[in-house]
Amino acid sequence: MITQAKIDRINELARKSKNEGLNDAEKEEQQILRKEYVEAYRQSLRTQLENTVVVRPDGSRERLSDMKKKK
């Protein structure tokens, strides 16, 4: 899980990168934080899609994950 403090640190490093540049340790930290953020984002999206329901015109409901399994 990514915390607000980590997001703030990502933004801080991005600003510093644009203005002054980063040293090697900061570049490595930035890459680690970015990977963690992207993975958390992907997991959140997967969870959201797994819980999405399609409502058919006849009123029936079907989860997207169930639709994928049928194919």
N, C-alpha and C. Protein backbone atom coordinates (compact mmCIF):
# COMPACT_ATOMS: atom_id res chain seq x y z
N MET A 1 0.85 -1.18 0.00
CA MET A 1 0.00 0.00 0.00
C MET A 1 0.89 1.24 0.00
N ILE A 2 0.50 2.20 -0.78
CA ILE A 2 1.28 3.43 -0.88
C ILE A 2 0.64 4.48 0.03
N THR A 3 1.44 5.12 0.82
CA THR A 3 0.93 6.12 1.76
C THR A 3 1.05 7.51 1.15
N GLN A 4 0.37 8.45 1.77
CA GLN A 4 0.44 9.83 1.30
C GLN A 4 1.86 10.37 1.46
N ALA A 5 2.55 9.93 2.49
CA ALA A 5 3.94 10.37 2.69
C ALA A 5 4.83 9.93 1.53
N LYS A 6 4.60 8.72 1.03
CA LYS A 6 5.39 8.23 -0.11
C LYS A 6 5.06 9.01 -1.38
N ILE A 7 3.79 9.32 -1.57
CA ILE A 7 3.39 10.12 -2.74
C ILE A 7 4.02 11.50 -2.65
N ASP A 8 4.01 12.08 -1.47
CA ASP A 8 4.64 13.39 -1.29
C ASP A 8 6.13 13.33 -1.60
N ARG A 9 6.78 12.24 -1.19
CA ARG A 9 8.21 12.08 -1.45
C ARG A 9 8.47 11.93 -2.95
N ILE A 10 7.61 11.18 -3.65
CA ILE A 10 7.73 11.06 -5.11
C ILE A 10 7.65 12.44 -5.76
N ASN A 11 6.69 13.22 -5.34
CA ASN A 11 6.52 14.57 -5.90
C ASN A 11 7.70 15.47 -5.57
N GLU A 12 8.21 15.35 -4.35
CA GLU A 12 9.36 16.14 -3.93
C GLU A 12 10.59 15.81 -4.79
N LEU A 13 10.81 14.53 -5.01
CA LEU A 13 11.94 14.12 -5.84
C LEU A 13 11.75 14.56 -7.29
N ALA A 14 10.53 14.54 -7.78
CA ALA A 14 10.27 14.98 -9.16
C ALA A 14 10.58 16.47 -9.31
N ARG A 15 10.15 17.26 -8.33
CA ARG A 15 10.44 18.70 -8.38
C ARG A 15 11.95 18.95 -8.31
N LYS A 16 12.62 18.24 -7.41
CA LYS A 16 14.06 18.42 -7.27
C LYS A 16 14.78 18.00 -8.55
N SER A 17 14.30 16.94 -9.19
CA SER A 17 14.91 16.47 -10.43
C SER A 17 14.83 17.53 -11.51
N LYS A 18 13.70 18.22 -11.59
CA LYS A 18 13.53 19.26 -12.60
C LYS A 18 14.39 20.48 -12.30
N ASN A 19 14.50 20.83 -11.03
CA ASN A 19 15.19 22.07 -10.66
C ASN A 19 16.70 21.90 -10.51
N GLU A 20 17.13 20.92 -9.73
CA GLU A 20 18.54 20.81 -9.37
C GLU A 20 19.20 19.55 -9.92
N GLY A 21 18.43 18.52 -10.09
CA GLY A 21 18.99 17.22 -10.44
C GLY A 21 19.08 16.36 -9.19
N LEU A 22 19.18 15.06 -9.39
CA LEU A 22 19.23 14.13 -8.27
C LEU A 22 20.57 13.42 -8.23
N ASN A 23 20.99 13.08 -7.00
CA ASN A 23 22.20 12.25 -6.89
C ASN A 23 21.78 10.80 -7.10
N ASP A 24 22.75 9.90 -7.13
CA ASP A 24 22.47 8.50 -7.43
C ASP A 24 21.53 7.85 -6.42
N ALA A 25 21.70 8.14 -5.15
CA ALA A 25 20.84 7.56 -4.11
C ALA A 25 19.40 8.03 -4.27
N GLU A 26 19.22 9.30 -4.61
CA GLU A 26 17.88 9.84 -4.80
C GLU A 26 17.22 9.26 -6.05
N LYS A 27 18.00 9.06 -7.10
CA LYS A 27 17.46 8.46 -8.32
C LYS A 27 16.97 7.05 -8.05
N GLU A 28 17.75 6.29 -7.28
CA GLU A 28 17.36 4.93 -6.94
C GLU A 28 16.09 4.93 -6.08
N GLU A 29 16.05 5.84 -5.10
CA GLU A 29 14.85 5.95 -4.25
C GLU A 29 13.63 6.30 -5.09
N GLN A 30 13.80 7.21 -6.03
CA GLN A 30 12.71 7.63 -6.90
C GLN A 30 12.18 6.46 -7.71
N GLN A 31 13.07 5.65 -8.27
CA GLN A 31 12.64 4.50 -9.07
C GLN A 31 11.89 3.48 -8.22
N ILE A 32 12.39 3.23 -7.01
CA ILE A 32 11.73 2.27 -6.11
C ILE A 32 10.33 2.77 -5.76
N LEU A 33 10.21 4.05 -5.42
CA LEU A 33 8.91 4.61 -5.05
C LEU A 33 7.94 4.60 -6.24
N ARG A 34 8.44 4.91 -7.42
CA ARG A 34 7.59 4.90 -8.61
C ARG A 34 7.07 3.50 -8.91
N LYS A 35 7.94 2.49 -8.81
CA LYS A 35 7.51 1.11 -9.04
C LYS A 35 6.43 0.70 -8.04
N GLU A 36 6.64 1.08 -6.79
CA GLU A 36 5.65 0.76 -5.75
C GLU A 36 4.32 1.44 -6.05
N TYR A 37 4.37 2.70 -6.49
CA TYR A 37 3.16 3.45 -6.81
C TYR A 37 2.42 2.80 -7.98
N VAL A 38 3.14 2.45 -9.03
CA VAL A 38 2.53 1.86 -10.22
C VAL A 38 1.88 0.52 -9.86
N GLU A 39 2.56 -0.30 -9.06
CA GLU A 39 2.00 -1.59 -8.67
C GLU A 39 0.73 -1.41 -7.83
N ALA A 40 0.72 -0.45 -6.93
CA ALA A 40 -0.47 -0.18 -6.13
C ALA A 40 -1.62 0.30 -7.02
N TYR A 41 -1.31 1.12 -8.01
CA TYR A 41 -2.32 1.61 -8.95
C TYR A 41 -2.91 0.46 -9.75
N ARG A 42 -2.05 -0.41 -10.25
CA ARG A 42 -2.52 -1.55 -11.04
C ARG A 42 -3.40 -2.48 -10.20
N GLN A 43 -2.99 -2.74 -8.98
CA GLN A 43 -3.78 -3.60 -8.10
C GLN A 43 -5.15 -2.99 -7.82
N SER A 44 -5.18 -1.69 -7.61
CA SER A 44 -6.44 -1.00 -7.37
C SER A 44 -7.36 -1.12 -8.59
N LEU A 45 -6.79 -0.95 -9.78
CA LEU A 45 -7.56 -1.05 -11.01
C LEU A 45 -8.09 -2.47 -11.21
N ARG A 46 -7.24 -3.48 -10.95
CA ARG A 46 -7.69 -4.87 -11.07
C ARG A 46 -8.87 -5.14 -10.15
N THR A 47 -8.75 -4.70 -8.91
CA THR A 47 -9.82 -4.91 -7.93
C THR A 47 -11.11 -4.24 -8.38
N GLN A 48 -10.99 -3.02 -8.88
CA GLN A 48 -12.16 -2.30 -9.35
C GLN A 48 -12.82 -3.03 -10.52
N LEU A 49 -12.04 -3.50 -11.47
CA LEU A 49 -12.59 -4.21 -12.62
C LEU A 49 -13.22 -5.54 -12.22
N GLU A 50 -12.60 -6.23 -11.26
CA GLU A 50 -13.16 -7.51 -10.80
C GLU A 50 -14.52 -7.33 -10.15
N ASN A 51 -14.77 -6.16 -9.60
CA ASN A 51 -16.03 -5.91 -8.92
C ASN A 51 -17.02 -5.12 -9.77
N THR A 52 -16.69 -4.88 -11.03
CA THR A 52 -17.59 -4.17 -11.93
C THR A 52 -18.66 -5.13 -12.45
N VAL A 53 -19.89 -4.65 -12.49
CA VAL A 53 -21.03 -5.46 -12.92
C VAL A 53 -21.64 -4.82 -14.17
N VAL A 54 -21.93 -5.66 -15.17
CA VAL A 54 -22.60 -5.22 -16.38
C VAL A 54 -24.09 -5.56 -16.23
N VAL A 55 -24.94 -4.55 -16.45
CA VAL A 55 -26.38 -4.77 -16.38
C VAL A 55 -26.89 -4.88 -17.81
N ARG A 56 -27.46 -6.03 -18.13
CA ARG A 56 -27.98 -6.30 -19.47
C ARG A 56 -29.35 -5.61 -19.64
N PRO A 57 -29.78 -5.42 -20.89
CA PRO A 57 -31.08 -4.79 -21.14
C PRO A 57 -32.25 -5.54 -20.47
N ASP A 58 -32.10 -6.86 -20.30
CA ASP A 58 -33.18 -7.62 -19.66
C ASP A 58 -33.14 -7.52 -18.14
N GLY A 59 -32.17 -6.78 -17.61
CA GLY A 59 -32.08 -6.60 -16.17
C GLY A 59 -31.12 -7.55 -15.47
N SER A 60 -30.62 -8.53 -16.18
CA SER A 60 -29.68 -9.46 -15.56
C SER A 60 -28.34 -8.76 -15.34
N ARG A 61 -27.62 -9.25 -14.34
CA ARG A 61 -26.34 -8.65 -13.98
C ARG A 61 -25.25 -9.71 -14.08
N GLU A 62 -24.09 -9.30 -14.57
CA GLU A 62 -22.98 -10.23 -14.71
C GLU A 62 -21.68 -9.49 -14.42
N ARG A 63 -20.83 -10.11 -13.61
CA ARG A 63 -19.53 -9.52 -13.30
C ARG A 63 -18.61 -9.64 -14.51
N LEU A 64 -17.73 -8.67 -14.67
CA LEU A 64 -16.76 -8.73 -15.77
C LEU A 64 -15.87 -9.95 -15.64
N SER A 65 -15.49 -10.29 -14.42
CA SER A 65 -14.62 -11.45 -14.24
C SER A 65 -15.31 -12.73 -14.69
N ASP A 66 -16.64 -12.84 -14.51
CA ASP A 66 -17.37 -14.01 -14.96
C ASP A 66 -17.45 -14.04 -16.49
N MET A 67 -17.56 -12.87 -17.11
CA MET A 67 -17.62 -12.77 -18.56
C MET A 67 -16.30 -13.22 -19.17
N LYS A 68 -15.21 -12.89 -18.53
CA LYS A 68 -13.89 -13.28 -19.03
C LYS A 68 -13.71 -14.79 -18.98
N LYS A 69 -14.23 -15.42 -17.94
CA LYS A 69 -14.09 -16.86 -17.77
C LYS A 69 -14.86 -17.62 -18.85
N LYS A 70 -15.96 -17.06 -19.35
CA LYS A 70 -16.77 -17.72 -20.37
C LYS A 70 -16.06 -17.79 -21.72
N LYS A 71 -15.19 -16.84 -21.99
CA LYS A 71 -14.53 -16.79 -23.31
C LYS A 71 -13.51 -17.83 -23.47
